[in-house]
Amino acid sequence: MSRSERYAAIDLGGTKVRAIVADLDGQIYGEDIRLSRASEGLAATTDTMVACLEAACVAAGVNTADIKGLGIASPGAVDAYNGVVPEAPQLPGWRDVPIVEIMSKRLGVPVWLENDANAAALGENRFGAGKGAKNMLYMTVSTGVGGGIIIDGDLYRGTRGAAGELGHMIIDYDGPPCGCGGNGCLESLISGTAIAKEGERLIDAGKAPELTKLRDAEGAVTAEMMNRAVKAGDEAVAEYADRVGMYLGVALASYVNIFNPSVIVIGGGVSQSGEMFMDQAVATMKRKAMRAPLADVTVKLGQLQDRAGTLGMIARLKAAVEDGD
């Protein structure tokens, strides 16, 4: 394969679309980001995806027709083998959407599909914090909690390509409702949504004076805001952060026992404020995990941030080229 060839990747979200043009070594030559228009339906979103990719091509100095392949990272439990998005809460109205076929016909290039968290796992494994790890878990903690599993250097997809939903390990079967329809999933306890909701509750209860000041000055509570409140000495917020860390640590211990990874990478927006709960999470993991699988595991924060998904799809395209897919 020629190192001068250019490939493309799109990270599709409910709010934003990101497109990059890169080579198979992960060098990015062009990039574009824009609102996904997901609320307007499938046609508007696919139009946005095409426009975003075209703009990334312009930035890279290439024509769309010159792209050798496209990788799409999509939310939802995607059917990666058949190129279909059965449904995704972030994409209203999407049901059994053959996105690979749609985009391939529009662009005239081969297209591959992965779940966005699986793609991010590949990105961190090939280009980021987990580079070189044969057995790695990736968790993304943001609005929701997703994950990806690398076993013997390969992405584990499961029977339908829907494996890796680490955020839906049940931690408390009588816990709060989760977007998946269950109760007490890790996502319902430590996601950015869950953290912000608890922050608002603490303010309403009059228990978080520093967080109240920040909310009054800046608007809606975020995990990053709560991290600053902890640093400012907000005891109730600090106690809650310890509880979040405990929940995450219990999940990490379970993953260690089940998968015996050498590296666990934690990414996503909330992870950037992870200092308020990561120490507790790692300490809890070490207390709860079995000694043998715990011996070699390292927990790291992700390095690629918002580009993990797109770079992961470049890694997927590289594997397809090398395998002759």
Protein backbone atom coordinates (compact mmCIF):
# COMPACT_ATOMS: atom_id res chain seq x y z
CA MET A 1 0.00 0.00 0.00
CA SER A 2 1.19 3.50 -0.76
CA ARG A 3 1.86 5.80 2.18
CA SER A 4 0.69 8.71 0.00
CA GLU A 5 -2.84 7.32 -0.20
CA ARG A 6 -5.52 9.12 1.80
CA TYR A 7 -8.34 7.60 3.81
CA ALA A 8 -11.23 9.20 5.68
CA ALA A 9 -13.13 8.67 8.90
CA ILE A 10 -16.32 10.12 10.32
CA ASP A 11 -17.28 10.14 13.99
CA LEU A 12 -21.05 10.52 14.05
CA GLY A 13 -22.69 11.82 17.22
CA GLY A 14 -26.06 13.08 18.25
CA THR A 15 -24.68 16.61 18.51
CA LYS A 16 -21.63 16.80 16.25
CA VAL A 17 -20.02 15.16 13.25
CA ARG A 18 -16.23 15.06 12.93
CA ALA A 19 -14.48 14.03 9.72
CA ILE A 20 -10.76 13.57 9.11
CA VAL A 21 -8.59 12.73 6.14
CA ALA A 22 -5.45 10.82 7.12
CA ASP A 23 -2.92 8.24 6.02
CA LEU A 24 -2.86 4.75 7.49
CA ASP A 25 -0.19 5.76 10.03
CA GLY A 26 -2.68 8.13 11.66
CA GLN A 27 -1.23 11.37 10.30
CA ILE A 28 -4.16 13.78 9.90
CA TYR A 29 -4.11 16.09 6.85
CA GLY A 30 -7.59 17.62 7.02
CA GLU A 31 -10.41 17.86 9.53
CA ASP A 32 -13.88 19.36 9.84
CA ILE A 33 -16.43 19.50 12.64
CA ARG A 34 -20.07 20.60 12.42
CA LEU A 35 -23.46 20.09 14.02
CA SER A 36 -24.98 16.73 13.07
CA ARG A 37 -28.60 17.95 12.62
CA ALA A 38 -29.67 14.61 14.09
CA SER A 39 -33.02 16.01 15.24
CA GLU A 40 -33.90 16.70 11.58
CA GLY A 41 -33.76 13.03 10.63
CA LEU A 42 -31.70 10.64 8.54
CA ALA A 43 -31.48 12.65 5.32
CA ALA A 44 -30.27 15.81 7.09
CA THR A 45 -27.69 13.86 9.07
CA THR A 46 -26.27 12.02 6.05
CA ASP A 47 -26.13 15.32 4.16
CA THR A 48 -24.11 16.73 7.05
CA MET A 49 -21.79 13.72 7.03
CA VAL A 50 -21.09 14.20 3.32
CA ALA A 51 -20.57 17.95 3.68
CA CYS A 52 -18.26 17.43 6.67
CA LEU A 53 -16.17 14.89 4.76
CA GLU A 54 -15.99 17.15 1.70
CA ALA A 55 -14.74 20.02 3.86
CA ALA A 56 -12.09 17.77 5.43
CA CYS A 57 -10.97 16.78 1.93
CA VAL A 58 -10.65 20.44 0.94
CA ALA A 59 -8.55 21.06 4.05
CA ALA A 60 -6.36 18.08 3.11
CA GLY A 61 -5.98 19.26 -0.47
CA VAL A 62 -7.56 16.17 -2.03
CA ASN A 63 -10.74 15.39 -3.93
CA THR A 64 -13.42 13.22 -2.34
CA ALA A 65 -13.02 10.83 -5.27
CA ASP A 66 -9.36 10.32 -4.28
CA ILE A 67 -10.27 8.83 -0.90
CA LYS A 68 -9.50 5.10 -0.82
CA GLY A 69 -11.93 4.18 1.94
CA LEU A 70 -14.19 5.61 4.64
CA GLY A 71 -14.72 4.45 8.20
CA ILE A 72 -17.80 5.49 10.17
CA ALA A 73 -17.96 5.42 13.96
CA SER A 74 -21.62 5.48 15.00
CA PRO A 75 -23.41 5.52 18.35
CA GLY A 76 -25.68 2.63 19.24
CA ALA A 77 -25.27 -1.13 19.26
CA VAL A 78 -24.40 -1.25 15.56
CA ASP A 79 -24.40 -4.32 13.32
CA ALA A 80 -20.84 -3.89 12.11
CA TYR A 81 -20.89 -7.03 10.00
CA ASN A 82 -23.86 -5.93 7.89
CA GLY A 83 -23.16 -2.19 7.98
CA VAL A 84 -26.43 -1.35 9.71
CA VAL A 85 -27.37 0.92 12.61
CA PRO A 86 -30.40 -0.88 14.15
CA GLU A 87 -31.11 2.06 16.45
CA ALA A 88 -29.33 4.72 18.45
CA PRO A 89 -30.90 6.95 21.12
CA GLN A 90 -28.70 9.81 19.92
CA LEU A 91 -30.09 9.57 16.37
CA PRO A 92 -33.88 10.05 16.44
CA GLY A 93 -35.79 8.06 13.85
CA TRP A 94 -32.88 5.80 12.91
CA ARG A 95 -34.03 2.19 12.73
CA ASP A 96 -32.21 -0.49 10.76
CA VAL A 97 -30.41 2.17 8.74
CA PRO A 98 -28.00 0.63 6.15
CA ILE A 99 -25.55 3.47 6.61
CA VAL A 100 -22.67 1.69 4.88
CA GLU A 101 -24.74 1.19 1.72
CA ILE A 102 -26.07 4.76 1.84
CA MET A 103 -22.66 6.40 2.20
CA SER A 104 -20.93 4.06 -0.23
CA LYS A 105 -23.45 4.91 -2.96
CA ARG A 106 -23.20 8.65 -2.27
CA LEU A 107 -19.41 8.78 -2.22
CA GLY A 108 -18.39 5.90 -4.46
CA VAL A 109 -15.87 4.50 -1.97
CA PRO A 110 -15.73 1.38 0.24
CA VAL A 111 -17.17 2.04 3.71
CA TRP A 112 -16.70 0.28 7.06
CA LEU A 113 -18.78 0.72 10.23
CA GLU A 114 -18.04 0.33 13.95
CA ASN A 115 -19.67 1.37 17.18
CA ASP A 116 -18.14 4.67 18.28
CA ALA A 117 -16.70 3.30 21.53
CA ASN A 118 -15.23 0.29 19.72
CA ALA A 119 -13.65 2.69 17.26
CA ALA A 120 -12.21 4.77 20.11
CA ALA A 121 -10.81 1.58 21.65
CA LEU A 122 -9.01 0.84 18.39
CA GLY A 123 -7.73 4.42 18.25
CA GLU A 124 -6.25 4.35 21.73
CA ASN A 125 -4.83 0.86 21.13
CA ARG A 126 -3.11 1.71 17.86
CA PHE A 127 -2.19 5.36 18.34
CA GLY A 128 -2.83 6.39 21.97
CA ALA A 129 -2.52 5.42 25.63
CA GLY A 130 -2.89 1.69 24.99
CA LYS A 131 -0.52 1.52 22.02
CA GLY A 132 0.95 -1.96 21.69
CA ALA A 133 -1.23 -3.61 24.36
CA LYS A 134 -2.44 -7.05 23.24
CA ASN A 135 -5.24 -7.16 25.81
CA MET A 136 -6.87 -3.82 26.56
CA LEU A 137 -10.19 -2.42 27.69
CA TYR A 138 -11.38 1.03 26.77
CA MET A 139 -14.08 2.97 28.59
CA THR A 140 -15.52 6.28 27.47
CA VAL A 141 -17.19 8.26 30.25
CA SER A 142 -19.14 11.21 28.86
CA THR A 143 -22.87 11.77 28.39
CA GLY A 144 -23.12 7.97 28.56
CA VAL A 145 -20.61 5.21 29.30
CA GLY A 146 -19.38 3.02 26.47
CA GLY A 147 -16.54 0.64 25.94
CA GLY A 148 -14.42 -1.49 23.66
CA ILE A 149 -12.51 -4.73 24.15
CA ILE A 150 -9.18 -5.65 22.56
CA ILE A 151 -8.25 -9.34 22.87
CA ASP A 152 -4.96 -10.68 21.47
CA GLY A 153 -4.56 -7.45 19.53
CA ASP A 154 -7.96 -7.62 17.81
CA LEU A 155 -11.21 -5.82 18.52
CA TYR A 156 -13.75 -8.18 20.06
CA ARG A 157 -17.13 -7.50 18.46
CA GLY A 158 -19.30 -10.38 19.65
CA THR A 159 -21.88 -12.30 17.64
CA ARG A 160 -23.60 -9.29 16.07
CA GLY A 161 -20.83 -6.74 16.42
CA ALA A 162 -22.51 -5.28 19.48
CA ALA A 163 -20.01 -6.31 22.20
CA GLY A 164 -18.26 -3.88 24.51
CA GLU A 165 -21.17 -2.22 26.32
CA LEU A 166 -19.11 -1.86 29.51
CA GLY A 167 -21.38 0.93 30.73
CA HIS A 168 -24.24 -1.51 31.11
CA MET A 169 -22.71 -3.72 33.75
CA ILE A 170 -25.31 -3.69 36.53
CA ILE A 171 -23.79 -2.33 39.74
CA ASP A 172 -27.01 -1.83 41.75
CA TYR A 173 -30.03 -3.82 40.56
CA ASP A 174 -32.33 -1.50 42.53
CA GLY A 175 -30.49 1.58 41.29
CA PRO A 176 -31.63 4.48 39.12
CA PRO A 177 -33.15 3.87 35.69
CA CYS A 178 -30.77 3.72 32.76
CA GLY A 179 -31.34 4.78 29.17
CA CYS A 180 -31.02 1.14 28.08
CA GLY A 181 -34.25 0.31 29.95
CA GLY A 182 -32.56 -1.36 32.92
CA ASN A 183 -31.73 -0.13 36.40
CA GLY A 184 -28.48 0.47 38.22
CA CYS A 185 -26.14 0.18 35.23
CA LEU A 186 -22.74 1.80 35.62
CA GLU A 187 -23.86 4.43 33.10
CA SER A 188 -26.78 5.44 35.32
CA LEU A 189 -24.34 6.02 38.21
CA ILE A 190 -21.20 7.65 36.77
CA SER A 191 -22.07 9.21 33.38
CA GLY A 192 -21.79 12.95 32.88
CA THR A 193 -25.59 13.04 32.88
CA ALA A 194 -25.79 11.24 36.22
CA ILE A 195 -23.06 13.38 37.78
CA ALA A 196 -24.69 16.64 36.71
CA LYS A 197 -28.07 15.47 38.02
CA GLU A 198 -26.59 14.71 41.43
CA GLY A 199 -24.83 18.07 41.46
CA GLU A 200 -28.15 19.83 40.90
CA ARG A 201 -29.71 17.75 43.70
CA LEU A 202 -26.94 18.74 46.12
CA ILE A 203 -27.47 22.41 45.25
CA ASP A 204 -31.23 22.13 45.74
CA ALA A 205 -30.59 20.52 49.14
CA GLY A 206 -28.34 23.42 50.16
CA LYS A 207 -25.33 21.11 50.62
CA ALA A 208 -22.91 22.43 47.97
CA PRO A 209 -22.08 26.13 48.49
CA GLU A 210 -19.05 26.21 46.18
CA LEU A 211 -20.88 24.34 43.43
CA THR A 212 -23.81 26.71 43.85
CA LYS A 213 -21.54 29.70 43.23
CA LEU A 214 -20.18 28.09 40.07
CA ARG A 215 -23.61 27.14 38.78
CA ASP A 216 -24.96 30.64 39.43
CA ALA A 217 -22.04 32.16 37.55
CA GLU A 218 -21.73 29.71 34.66
CA GLY A 219 -25.03 27.90 34.16
CA ALA A 220 -25.87 24.19 34.20
CA VAL A 221 -23.77 21.87 36.34
CA THR A 222 -21.09 19.78 34.58
CA ALA A 223 -18.61 17.20 35.80
CA GLU A 224 -15.80 19.69 35.19
CA MET A 225 -17.61 22.24 37.37
CA MET A 226 -17.99 19.65 40.14
CA ASN A 227 -14.28 18.91 39.93
CA ARG A 228 -13.55 22.57 40.60
CA ALA A 229 -16.02 22.54 43.49
CA VAL A 230 -14.12 19.64 45.05
CA LYS A 231 -10.86 21.60 44.76
CA ALA A 232 -12.59 24.58 46.39
CA GLY A 233 -13.48 22.45 49.42
CA ASP A 234 -17.10 21.47 48.77
CA GLU A 235 -17.35 18.50 51.15
CA ALA A 236 -20.68 17.14 49.91
CA VAL A 237 -19.45 17.14 46.32
CA ALA A 238 -16.20 15.45 47.42
CA GLU A 239 -18.17 12.73 49.21
CA TYR A 240 -20.25 12.16 46.10
CA ALA A 241 -17.10 12.04 43.93
CA ASP A 242 -15.75 9.31 46.20
CA ARG A 243 -18.96 7.36 45.66
CA VAL A 244 -18.60 7.74 41.87
CA GLY A 245 -15.04 6.47 42.20
CA MET A 246 -16.23 3.49 44.22
CA TYR A 247 -18.82 2.56 41.58
CA LEU A 248 -16.23 2.83 38.82
CA GLY A 249 -13.70 0.87 40.88
CA VAL A 250 -16.14 -1.99 41.46
CA ALA A 251 -16.75 -2.16 37.70
CA LEU A 252 -13.02 -2.03 36.95
CA ALA A 253 -12.38 -4.89 39.40
CA SER A 254 -15.01 -6.98 37.64
CA TYR A 255 -13.49 -6.24 34.23
CA VAL A 256 -10.03 -7.16 35.56
CA ASN A 257 -11.33 -10.48 36.87
CA ILE A 258 -13.19 -11.30 33.64
CA PHE A 259 -10.79 -10.08 30.95
CA ASN A 260 -7.36 -9.97 32.62
CA PRO A 261 -6.23 -6.94 30.55
CA SER A 262 -2.79 -5.37 30.75
CA VAL A 263 -4.19 -1.86 30.22
CA ILE A 264 -7.51 -0.16 30.91
CA VAL A 265 -7.84 3.19 29.14
CA ILE A 266 -10.48 5.64 30.30
CA GLY A 267 -11.48 8.38 27.87
CA GLY A 268 -14.40 10.69 27.21
CA GLY A 269 -15.22 14.16 28.43
CA VAL A 270 -15.84 13.23 32.07
CA SER A 271 -12.47 11.48 32.26
CA GLN A 272 -10.80 14.87 31.76
CA SER A 273 -12.20 15.76 35.19
CA GLY A 274 -11.33 12.32 36.50
CA GLU A 275 -8.94 13.51 39.19
CA MET A 276 -11.94 13.98 41.48
CA PHE A 277 -12.72 10.23 41.44
CA MET A 278 -9.88 8.31 39.76
CA ASP A 279 -7.82 7.77 42.93
CA GLN A 280 -10.84 6.22 44.63
CA ALA A 281 -11.62 4.15 41.53
CA VAL A 282 -8.13 2.66 41.30
CA ALA A 283 -7.97 2.05 45.07
CA THR A 284 -11.34 0.27 44.98
CA MET A 285 -10.26 -1.80 41.99
CA LYS A 286 -7.14 -2.92 43.84
CA ARG A 287 -9.17 -3.91 46.91
CA LYS A 288 -11.84 -5.81 44.98
CA ALA A 289 -10.03 -7.50 42.09
CA MET A 290 -8.45 -10.94 42.31
CA ARG A 291 -4.71 -10.87 42.90
CA ALA A 292 -3.51 -12.76 39.82
CA PRO A 293 -5.25 -10.70 37.10
CA LEU A 294 -4.61 -7.51 39.06
CA ALA A 295 -0.84 -8.00 39.03
CA ASP A 296 -0.18 -6.65 35.55
CA VAL A 297 -2.99 -4.16 34.90
CA THR A 298 -2.43 -0.44 34.49
CA VAL A 299 -5.19 2.20 34.37
CA LYS A 300 -4.51 5.15 32.09
CA LEU A 301 -6.41 8.20 30.88
CA GLY A 302 -6.95 8.36 27.13
CA GLN A 303 -4.58 10.45 25.01
CA LEU A 304 -6.57 11.01 21.82
CA GLN A 305 -9.60 12.74 23.34
CA ASP A 306 -12.13 13.80 20.66
CA ARG A 307 -10.13 12.18 17.86
CA ALA A 308 -10.13 8.67 19.33
CA GLY A 309 -13.10 7.54 17.24
CA THR A 310 -11.91 8.87 13.90
CA LEU A 311 -8.36 7.60 14.39
CA GLY A 312 -9.81 4.27 15.44
CA MET A 313 -11.60 4.03 12.11
CA ILE A 314 -8.33 4.80 10.33
CA ALA A 315 -6.86 1.85 12.25
CA ARG A 316 -9.85 -0.24 11.11
CA LEU A 317 -9.24 0.76 7.50
CA LYS A 318 -5.56 -0.13 7.84
CA ALA A 319 -6.51 -3.60 9.06
CA ALA A 320 -8.93 -3.99 6.14
CA VAL A 321 -6.23 -3.01 3.64
CA GLU A 322 -3.68 -5.35 5.19
CA ASP A 323 -6.19 -8.22 5.27
CA GLY A 324 -7.34 -7.54 1.74
CA ASP A 325 -10.96 -6.96 2.81
